[in-house]
Amino acid sequence: MNIVAPSPLGHIRVELQEQDALQVLHPKSIITFHGSPRNREDKFMDIGGAFRKKKWIRSRLQGPAAFVMGLPAGYSLVPVDVPEGGSLLFDFRHVAFLTDGMPFKSKVMRLKTAWITRELIRIQFSGPGTLGVLASGDLAAIQLDPEQPLFVDKGALVAYPEDASIRLSVYGNSLASQHMNVQWELKGKGPVLIQTGSRDTGLESRLSDDGWFKRVLREALPFGSVYIK
């Protein structure tokens, strides 16, 4: 299997050899398919999968074939190889496809955590196999430390080791803790996967803002909107 992901173009191309098969969990994102029509088979998801993905249909694609998936604006898709006995717990919403036949199981979050994060279940995949992981911006891997905590914005955490110590927290002084999103505090060993797209919704507007002085000049001067860019 070969995955070509030119992320600035907003799509990926996946090439499947004859022995390859994938379960695509967002079938409507498939915008081209090059192969025998018999090599695509759509099925209904089980109830648990439909609940977690809020989707009812999945597609099994068999090689030899190639297909192109469109991505949401600002998102990338990163292939993640899962070893046998993999321990990472994934937010299932970020999984776009997985190797056909890869086993996985659900892990129910604590009620207090689920109430705050609106995240009831995480999924543990056991390889060997490959996941196609969707991320806002890029996907970064950061190694945990058993003693020094890692704080991650609750909306950025895609996956973490099953045996990691994890709880909801904030950090910094009183002003910092009052003006930040809830954080995951993690300790342990192994990598965590985070999506790196900015969580500050006002950042883009502030970066593109010309400032009050230019706005005043545009409105006050004749033809200001033409000459002042």
C-alpha atoms as a PDB file:
ATOM      1  CA  MET A   1       0.000   0.000   0.000  1.00  0.00           C
ATOM      2  CA  ASN A   2       1.258   3.455  -0.917  1.00  0.00           C
ATOM      3  CA  ILE A   3      -0.202   6.696   0.477  1.00  0.00           C
ATOM      4  CA  VAL A   4       0.600  10.018  -1.159  1.00  0.00           C
ATOM      5  CA  ALA A   5      -0.610  12.976   0.904  1.00  0.00           C
ATOM      6  CA  PRO A   6       0.024  16.405  -0.655  1.00  0.00           C
ATOM      7  CA  SER A   7      -1.651  18.134   2.301  1.00  0.00           C
ATOM      8  CA  PRO A   8      -1.685  21.683   0.857  1.00  0.00           C
ATOM      9  CA  LEU A   9      -3.872  20.373  -1.974  1.00  0.00           C
ATOM     10  CA  GLY A  10      -6.548  19.056   0.376  1.00  0.00           C
ATOM     11  CA  HIS A  11      -6.542  15.437  -0.705  1.00  0.00           C
ATOM     12  CA  ILE A  12      -4.639  12.159  -0.495  1.00  0.00           C
ATOM     13  CA  ARG A  13      -4.099   9.369  -3.015  1.00  0.00           C
ATOM     14  CA  VAL A  14      -3.983   5.749  -1.825  1.00  0.00           C
ATOM     15  CA  GLU A  15      -2.672   2.956  -4.029  1.00  0.00           C
ATOM     16  CA  LEU A  16      -3.624  -0.607  -3.051  1.00  0.00           C
ATOM     17  CA  GLN A  17      -1.802  -3.720  -4.166  1.00  0.00           C
ATOM     18  CA  GLU A  18      -3.708  -6.928  -4.831  1.00  0.00           C
ATOM     19  CA  GLN A  19      -3.216  -8.170  -1.256  1.00  0.00           C
ATOM     20  CA  ASP A  20      -4.261  -4.849   0.332  1.00  0.00           C
ATOM     21  CA  ALA A  21      -7.707  -4.023   1.689  1.00  0.00           C
ATOM     22  CA  LEU A  22      -8.929  -1.006   3.668  1.00  0.00           C
ATOM     23  CA  GLN A  23     -12.029  -0.087   5.621  1.00  0.00           C
ATOM     24  CA  VAL A  24     -12.877   3.539   4.755  1.00  0.00           C
ATOM     25  CA  LEU A  25     -15.065   5.106   7.441  1.00  0.00           C
ATOM     26  CA  HIS A  26     -15.972   8.261   5.484  1.00  0.00           C
ATOM     27  CA  PRO A  27     -17.127   6.863   2.111  1.00  0.00           C
ATOM     28  CA  LYS A  28     -18.450  10.183   0.842  1.00  0.00           C
ATOM     29  CA  SER A  29     -14.912  11.583   0.973  1.00  0.00           C
ATOM     30  CA  ILE A  30     -13.885   9.187  -1.837  1.00  0.00           C
ATOM     31  CA  ILE A  31     -13.854  11.411  -4.914  1.00  0.00           C
ATOM     32  CA  THR A  32     -12.180   9.077  -7.435  1.00  0.00           C
ATOM     33  CA  PHE A  33     -11.751   5.298  -7.621  1.00  0.00           C
ATOM     34  CA  HIS A  34      -9.565   3.527 -10.175  1.00  0.00           C
ATOM     35  CA  GLY A  35     -10.169  -0.202 -10.190  1.00  0.00           C
ATOM     36  CA  SER A  36     -12.776  -2.886 -10.749  1.00  0.00           C
ATOM     37  CA  PRO A  37     -16.245  -1.859  -9.485  1.00  0.00           C
ATOM     38  CA  ARG A  38     -16.349  -5.185  -7.629  1.00  0.00           C
ATOM     39  CA  ASN A  39     -13.419  -4.023  -5.491  1.00  0.00           C
ATOM     40  CA  ARG A  40     -15.641  -1.663  -3.498  1.00  0.00           C
ATOM     41  CA  GLU A  41     -18.176  -3.121  -1.086  1.00  0.00           C
ATOM     42  CA  ASP A  42     -20.227  -0.877   1.200  1.00  0.00           C
ATOM     43  CA  LYS A  43     -21.749  -2.235   4.409  1.00  0.00           C
ATOM     44  CA  PHE A  44     -23.627  -0.928   7.407  1.00  0.00           C
ATOM     45  CA  MET A  45     -21.539  -0.272  10.493  1.00  0.00           C
ATOM     46  CA  ASP A  46     -22.268  -2.045  13.736  1.00  0.00           C
ATOM     47  CA  ILE A  47     -24.242   0.008  16.257  1.00  0.00           C
ATOM     48  CA  GLY A  48     -21.160   0.926  18.317  1.00  0.00           C
ATOM     49  CA  GLY A  49     -19.205   2.115  15.305  1.00  0.00           C
ATOM     50  CA  ALA A  50     -22.165   4.111  13.985  1.00  0.00           C
ATOM     51  CA  PHE A  51     -22.571   5.797  17.366  1.00  0.00           C
ATOM     52  CA  ARG A  52     -18.913   6.737  17.667  1.00  0.00           C
ATOM     53  CA  LYS A  53     -18.480   7.971  14.083  1.00  0.00           C
ATOM     54  CA  LYS A  54     -22.031   9.287  13.614  1.00  0.00           C
ATOM     55  CA  LYS A  55     -21.928   7.406  10.298  1.00  0.00           C
ATOM     56  CA  TRP A  56     -23.920   4.391   9.177  1.00  0.00           C
ATOM     57  CA  ILE A  57     -21.982   3.232   6.104  1.00  0.00           C
ATOM     58  CA  ARG A  58     -18.390   2.084   5.678  1.00  0.00           C
ATOM     59  CA  SER A  59     -16.590   0.994   2.504  1.00  0.00           C
ATOM     60  CA  ARG A  60     -14.232  -1.952   2.026  1.00  0.00           C
ATOM     61  CA  LEU A  61     -11.795  -1.272  -0.801  1.00  0.00           C
ATOM     62  CA  GLN A  62      -9.738  -4.143  -2.206  1.00  0.00           C
ATOM     63  CA  GLY A  63      -6.649  -3.885  -4.418  1.00  0.00           C
ATOM     64  CA  PRO A  64      -5.461  -3.679  -7.044  1.00  0.00           C
ATOM     65  CA  ALA A  65      -6.977  -0.205  -7.029  1.00  0.00           C
ATOM     66  CA  ALA A  66      -6.266   3.446  -6.304  1.00  0.00           C
ATOM     67  CA  PHE A  67      -8.508   6.122  -4.869  1.00  0.00           C
ATOM     68  CA  VAL A  68      -8.425   9.777  -3.915  1.00  0.00           C
ATOM     69  CA  MET A  69      -9.962  11.108  -0.702  1.00  0.00           C
ATOM     70  CA  GLY A  70     -10.865  14.768  -0.283  1.00  0.00           C
ATOM     71  CA  LEU A  71      -9.967  16.356   3.049  1.00  0.00           C
ATOM     72  CA  PRO A  72     -11.699  19.138   4.975  1.00  0.00           C
ATOM     73  CA  ALA A  73     -10.069  22.561   4.644  1.00  0.00           C
ATOM     74  CA  GLY A  74      -7.102  22.894   7.007  1.00  0.00           C
ATOM     75  CA  TYR A  75      -6.874  19.140   7.685  1.00  0.00           C
ATOM     76  CA  SER A  76      -4.157  16.622   6.882  1.00  0.00           C
ATOM     77  CA  LEU A  77      -4.235  12.841   6.807  1.00  0.00           C
ATOM     78  CA  VAL A  78      -1.284  10.996   8.309  1.00  0.00           C
ATOM     79  CA  PRO A  79      -0.727   7.214   8.012  1.00  0.00           C
ATOM     80  CA  VAL A  80       0.063   5.713  11.426  1.00  0.00           C
ATOM     81  CA  ASP A  81       1.534   2.213  11.590  1.00  0.00           C
ATOM     82  CA  VAL A  82       0.149   0.235  14.532  1.00  0.00           C
ATOM     83  CA  PRO A  83       2.355  -2.610  15.816  1.00  0.00           C
ATOM     84  CA  GLU A  84       1.049  -5.887  17.137  1.00  0.00           C
ATOM     85  CA  GLY A  85      -0.277  -5.285  20.640  1.00  0.00           C
ATOM     86  CA  GLY A  86      -0.489  -1.522  20.106  1.00  0.00           C
ATOM     87  CA  SER A  87      -1.511   0.381  23.230  1.00  0.00           C
ATOM     88  CA  LEU A  88      -2.545   3.809  21.913  1.00  0.00           C
ATOM     89  CA  LEU A  89      -6.110   4.924  22.645  1.00  0.00           C
ATOM     90  CA  PHE A  90      -7.559   6.923  19.740  1.00  0.00           C
ATOM     91  CA  ASP A  91     -10.358   9.393  19.429  1.00  0.00           C
ATOM     92  CA  PHE A  92     -12.348   7.396  16.838  1.00  0.00           C
ATOM     93  CA  ARG A  93     -13.556  10.565  15.123  1.00  0.00           C
ATOM     94  CA  HIS A  94     -10.037  11.105  13.748  1.00  0.00           C
ATOM     95  CA  VAL A  95      -9.792   7.690  12.052  1.00  0.00           C
ATOM     96  CA  ALA A  96     -10.507   7.952   8.315  1.00  0.00           C
ATOM     97  CA  PHE A  97      -9.564   4.387   7.363  1.00  0.00           C
ATOM     98  CA  LEU A  98      -7.902   1.275   8.753  1.00  0.00           C
ATOM     99  CA  THR A  99      -6.403  -1.931   7.445  1.00  0.00           C
ATOM    100  CA  ASP A 100      -9.172  -4.471   6.875  1.00  0.00           C
ATOM    101  CA  GLY A 101      -9.331  -7.020   9.674  1.00  0.00           C
ATOM    102  CA  MET A 102      -7.388  -4.951  12.218  1.00  0.00           C
ATOM    103  CA  PRO A 103      -8.861  -5.781  15.653  1.00  0.00           C
ATOM    104  CA  PHE A 104      -9.862  -3.022  18.055  1.00  0.00           C
ATOM    105  CA  LYS A 105     -11.708  -2.639  21.328  1.00  0.00           C
ATOM    106  CA  SER A 106     -13.468   0.157  23.211  1.00  0.00           C
ATOM    107  CA  LYS A 107     -12.354   1.751  26.452  1.00  0.00           C
ATOM    108  CA  VAL A 108     -15.015   3.662  28.414  1.00  0.00           C
ATOM    109  CA  MET A 109     -13.843   6.916  29.951  1.00  0.00           C
ATOM    110  CA  ARG A 110     -14.599   7.900  33.538  1.00  0.00           C
ATOM    111  CA  LEU A 111     -17.936   9.685  33.885  1.00  0.00           C
ATOM    112  CA  LYS A 112     -16.392  12.921  35.212  1.00  0.00           C
ATOM    113  CA  THR A 113     -13.926  13.033  32.330  1.00  0.00           C
ATOM    114  CA  ALA A 114     -16.598  12.194  29.759  1.00  0.00           C
ATOM    115  CA  TRP A 115     -18.879  14.938  31.114  1.00  0.00           C
ATOM    116  CA  ILE A 116     -16.245  17.646  30.648  1.00  0.00           C
ATOM    117  CA  THR A 117     -14.724  16.454  27.364  1.00  0.00           C
ATOM    118  CA  ARG A 118     -17.929  15.042  25.807  1.00  0.00           C
ATOM    119  CA  GLU A 119     -15.868  11.977  24.994  1.00  0.00           C
ATOM    120  CA  LEU A 120     -17.305   8.721  26.311  1.00  0.00           C
ATOM    121  CA  ILE A 121     -15.204   6.120  24.486  1.00  0.00           C
ATOM    122  CA  ARG A 122     -11.688   5.791  23.095  1.00  0.00           C
ATOM    123  CA  ILE A 123     -10.574   2.992  20.778  1.00  0.00           C
ATOM    124  CA  GLN A 124      -7.515   0.772  21.111  1.00  0.00           C
ATOM    125  CA  PHE A 125      -6.272  -0.753  17.845  1.00  0.00           C
ATOM    126  CA  SER A 126      -4.108  -3.853  17.833  1.00  0.00           C
ATOM    127  CA  GLY A 127      -1.927  -4.268  14.750  1.00  0.00           C
ATOM    128  CA  PRO A 128      -0.109  -4.957  12.702  1.00  0.00           C
ATOM    129  CA  GLY A 129      -1.853  -2.548  10.384  1.00  0.00           C
ATOM    130  CA  THR A 130      -2.217   1.060   9.289  1.00  0.00           C
ATOM    131  CA  LEU A 131      -4.587   3.827  10.318  1.00  0.00           C
ATOM    132  CA  GLY A 132      -5.343   6.935   8.294  1.00  0.00           C
ATOM    133  CA  VAL A 133      -5.573   9.651  10.958  1.00  0.00           C
ATOM    134  CA  LEU A 134      -7.219  13.013  10.256  1.00  0.00           C
ATOM    135  CA  ALA A 135      -5.762  16.022  12.052  1.00  0.00           C
ATOM    136  CA  SER A 136      -6.416  19.735  12.105  1.00  0.00           C
ATOM    137  CA  GLY A 137      -3.119  21.137  10.831  1.00  0.00           C
ATOM    138  CA  ASP A 138      -0.472  18.446  11.207  1.00  0.00           C
ATOM    139  CA  LEU A 139      -0.094  15.433  13.504  1.00  0.00           C
ATOM    140  CA  ALA A 140       2.782  15.598  16.007  1.00  0.00           C
ATOM    141  CA  ALA A 141       4.165  12.885  18.296  1.00  0.00           C
ATOM    142  CA  ILE A 142       5.472  13.885  21.747  1.00  0.00           C
ATOM    143  CA  GLN A 143       7.103  11.431  24.146  1.00  0.00           C
ATOM    144  CA  LEU A 144       5.732  11.251  27.677  1.00  0.00           C
ATOM    145  CA  ASP A 145       7.829  11.396  30.852  1.00  0.00           C
ATOM    146  CA  PRO A 146       6.977   9.359  33.977  1.00  0.00           C
ATOM    147  CA  GLU A 147       7.638  12.348  36.274  1.00  0.00           C
ATOM    148  CA  GLN A 148       7.282  15.565  34.298  1.00  0.00           C
ATOM    149  CA  PRO A 149       3.654  16.133  33.251  1.00  0.00           C
ATOM    150  CA  LEU A 150       2.673  17.042  29.710  1.00  0.00           C
ATOM    151  CA  PHE A 151      -0.311  19.377  29.396  1.00  0.00           C
ATOM    152  CA  VAL A 152      -2.324  19.162  26.166  1.00  0.00           C
ATOM    153  CA  ASP A 153      -5.366  21.190  25.159  1.00  0.00           C
ATOM    154  CA  LYS A 154      -8.333  18.842  25.455  1.00  0.00           C
ATOM    155  CA  GLY A 155      -9.327  19.462  21.835  1.00  0.00           C
ATOM    156  CA  ALA A 156      -5.864  18.627  20.479  1.00  0.00           C
ATOM    157  CA  LEU A 157      -5.275  15.160  21.933  1.00  0.00           C
ATOM    158  CA  VAL A 158      -5.758  12.456  19.281  1.00  0.00           C
ATOM    159  CA  ALA A 159      -4.183   9.399  20.960  1.00  0.00           C
ATOM    160  CA  TYR A 160      -2.268   8.422  24.098  1.00  0.00           C
ATOM    161  CA  PRO A 161      -0.901   5.177  25.649  1.00  0.00           C
ATOM    162  CA  GLU A 162      -3.402   3.024  27.510  1.00  0.00           C
ATOM    163  CA  ASP A 163      -1.251   2.836  30.656  1.00  0.00           C
ATOM    164  CA  ALA A 164      -0.550   6.594  30.823  1.00  0.00           C
ATOM    165  CA  SER A 165      -1.668   8.555  33.869  1.00  0.00           C
ATOM    166  CA  ILE A 166      -4.242  11.033  32.590  1.00  0.00           C
ATOM    167  CA  ARG A 167      -6.500  13.552  34.274  1.00  0.00           C
ATOM    168  CA  LEU A 168      -8.164  16.869  33.525  1.00  0.00           C
ATOM    169  CA  SER A 169      -6.333  19.934  34.776  1.00  0.00           C
ATOM    170  CA  VAL A 170      -5.153  23.499  34.159  1.00  0.00           C
ATOM    171  CA  TYR A 171      -1.725  24.946  34.915  1.00  0.00           C
ATOM    172  CA  GLY A 172       0.139  28.194  35.487  1.00  0.00           C
ATOM    173  CA  ASN A 173      -0.776  31.013  37.828  1.00  0.00           C
ATOM    174  CA  SER A 174      -4.343  32.006  38.654  1.00  0.00           C
ATOM    175  CA  LEU A 175      -4.691  34.293  35.617  1.00  0.00           C
ATOM    176  CA  ALA A 176      -3.421  31.608  33.241  1.00  0.00           C
ATOM    177  CA  SER A 177      -5.652  28.893  34.672  1.00  0.00           C
ATOM    178  CA  GLN A 178      -8.730  31.118  34.479  1.00  0.00           C
ATOM    179  CA  HIS A 179      -8.242  31.928  30.798  1.00  0.00           C
ATOM    180  CA  MET A 180      -7.256  28.626  29.203  1.00  0.00           C
ATOM    181  CA  ASN A 181      -9.140  25.647  27.885  1.00  0.00           C
ATOM    182  CA  VAL A 182      -9.294  22.531  30.040  1.00  0.00           C
ATOM    183  CA  GLN A 183      -6.070  20.535  29.659  1.00  0.00           C
ATOM    184  CA  TRP A 184      -5.209  16.865  29.709  1.00  0.00           C
ATOM    185  CA  GLU A 185      -2.364  16.247  32.184  1.00  0.00           C
ATOM    186  CA  LEU A 186      -0.418  13.144  31.143  1.00  0.00           C
ATOM    187  CA  LYS A 187       2.486  11.190  32.626  1.00  0.00           C
ATOM    188  CA  GLY A 188       3.957   7.869  31.559  1.00  0.00           C
ATOM    189  CA  LYS A 189       5.940   6.323  28.729  1.00  0.00           C
ATOM    190  CA  GLY A 190       5.397   6.273  25.005  1.00  0.00           C
ATOM    191  CA  PRO A 191       4.107   8.816  22.482  1.00  0.00           C
ATOM    192  CA  VAL A 192       1.016  10.971  22.448  1.00  0.00           C
ATOM    193  CA  LEU A 193      -0.380  12.166  19.121  1.00  0.00           C
ATOM    194  CA  ILE A 194      -1.689  15.723  18.935  1.00  0.00           C
ATOM    195  CA  GLN A 195      -3.222  17.793  16.148  1.00  0.00           C
ATOM    196  CA  THR A 196      -1.385  21.070  15.788  1.00  0.00           C
ATOM    197  CA  GLY A 197      -4.020  23.312  14.201  1.00  0.00           C
ATOM    198  CA  SER A 198      -4.480  26.506  16.211  1.00  0.00           C
ATOM    199  CA  ARG A 199      -7.149  26.278  18.914  1.00  0.00           C
ATOM    200  CA  ASP A 200      -7.429  30.102  19.168  1.00  0.00           C
ATOM    201  CA  THR A 201     -10.378  30.985  16.953  1.00  0.00           C
ATOM    202  CA  GLY A 202      -9.580  34.682  17.190  1.00  0.00           C
ATOM    203  CA  LEU A 203      -5.937  34.316  16.151  1.00  0.00           C
ATOM    204  CA  GLU A 204      -6.538  34.296  12.397  1.00  0.00           C
ATOM    205  CA  SER A 205      -8.750  37.366  12.514  1.00  0.00           C
ATOM    206  CA  ARG A 206      -6.170  39.224  14.592  1.00  0.00           C
ATOM    207  CA  LEU A 207      -3.338  38.272  12.229  1.00  0.00           C
ATOM    208  CA  SER A 208      -5.292  39.476   9.196  1.00  0.00           C
ATOM    209  CA  ASP A 209      -6.489  42.669  10.924  1.00  0.00           C
ATOM    210  CA  ASP A 210      -4.966  45.798   9.381  1.00  0.00           C
ATOM    211  CA  GLY A 211      -5.250  47.828  12.577  1.00  0.00           C
ATOM    212  CA  TRP A 212      -7.283  50.893  13.381  1.00  0.00           C
ATOM    213  CA  PHE A 213      -4.875  53.420  11.786  1.00  0.00           C
ATOM    214  CA  LYS A 214      -5.153  51.978   8.275  1.00  0.00           C
ATOM    215  CA  ARG A 215      -8.906  51.660   8.599  1.00  0.00           C
ATOM    216  CA  VAL A 216      -9.202  55.332   9.584  1.00  0.00           C
ATOM    217  CA  LEU A 217      -7.038  56.440   6.631  1.00  0.00           C
ATOM    218  CA  ARG A 218      -9.055  54.375   4.184  1.00  0.00           C
ATOM    219  CA  GLU A 219     -12.277  56.036   5.298  1.00  0.00           C
ATOM    220  CA  ALA A 220     -10.939  59.577   5.859  1.00  0.00           C
ATOM    221  CA  LEU A 221      -8.873  60.123   2.689  1.00  0.00           C
ATOM    222  CA  PRO A 222     -10.321  60.493  -0.823  1.00  0.00           C
ATOM    223  CA  PHE A 223      -9.901  57.186  -2.652  1.00  0.00           C
ATOM    224  CA  GLY A 224      -8.298  55.805   0.493  1.00  0.00           C
ATOM    225  CA  SER A 225      -9.646  52.348  -0.128  1.00  0.00           C
ATOM    226  CA  VAL A 226      -7.903  52.337  -3.535  1.00  0.00           C
ATOM    227  CA  TYR A 227      -4.428  53.559  -2.515  1.00  0.00           C
ATOM    228  CA  ILE A 228      -4.098  52.149   1.006  1.00  0.00           C
ATOM    229  CA  LYS A 229      -3.873  48.368   0.969  1.00  0.00           C
END
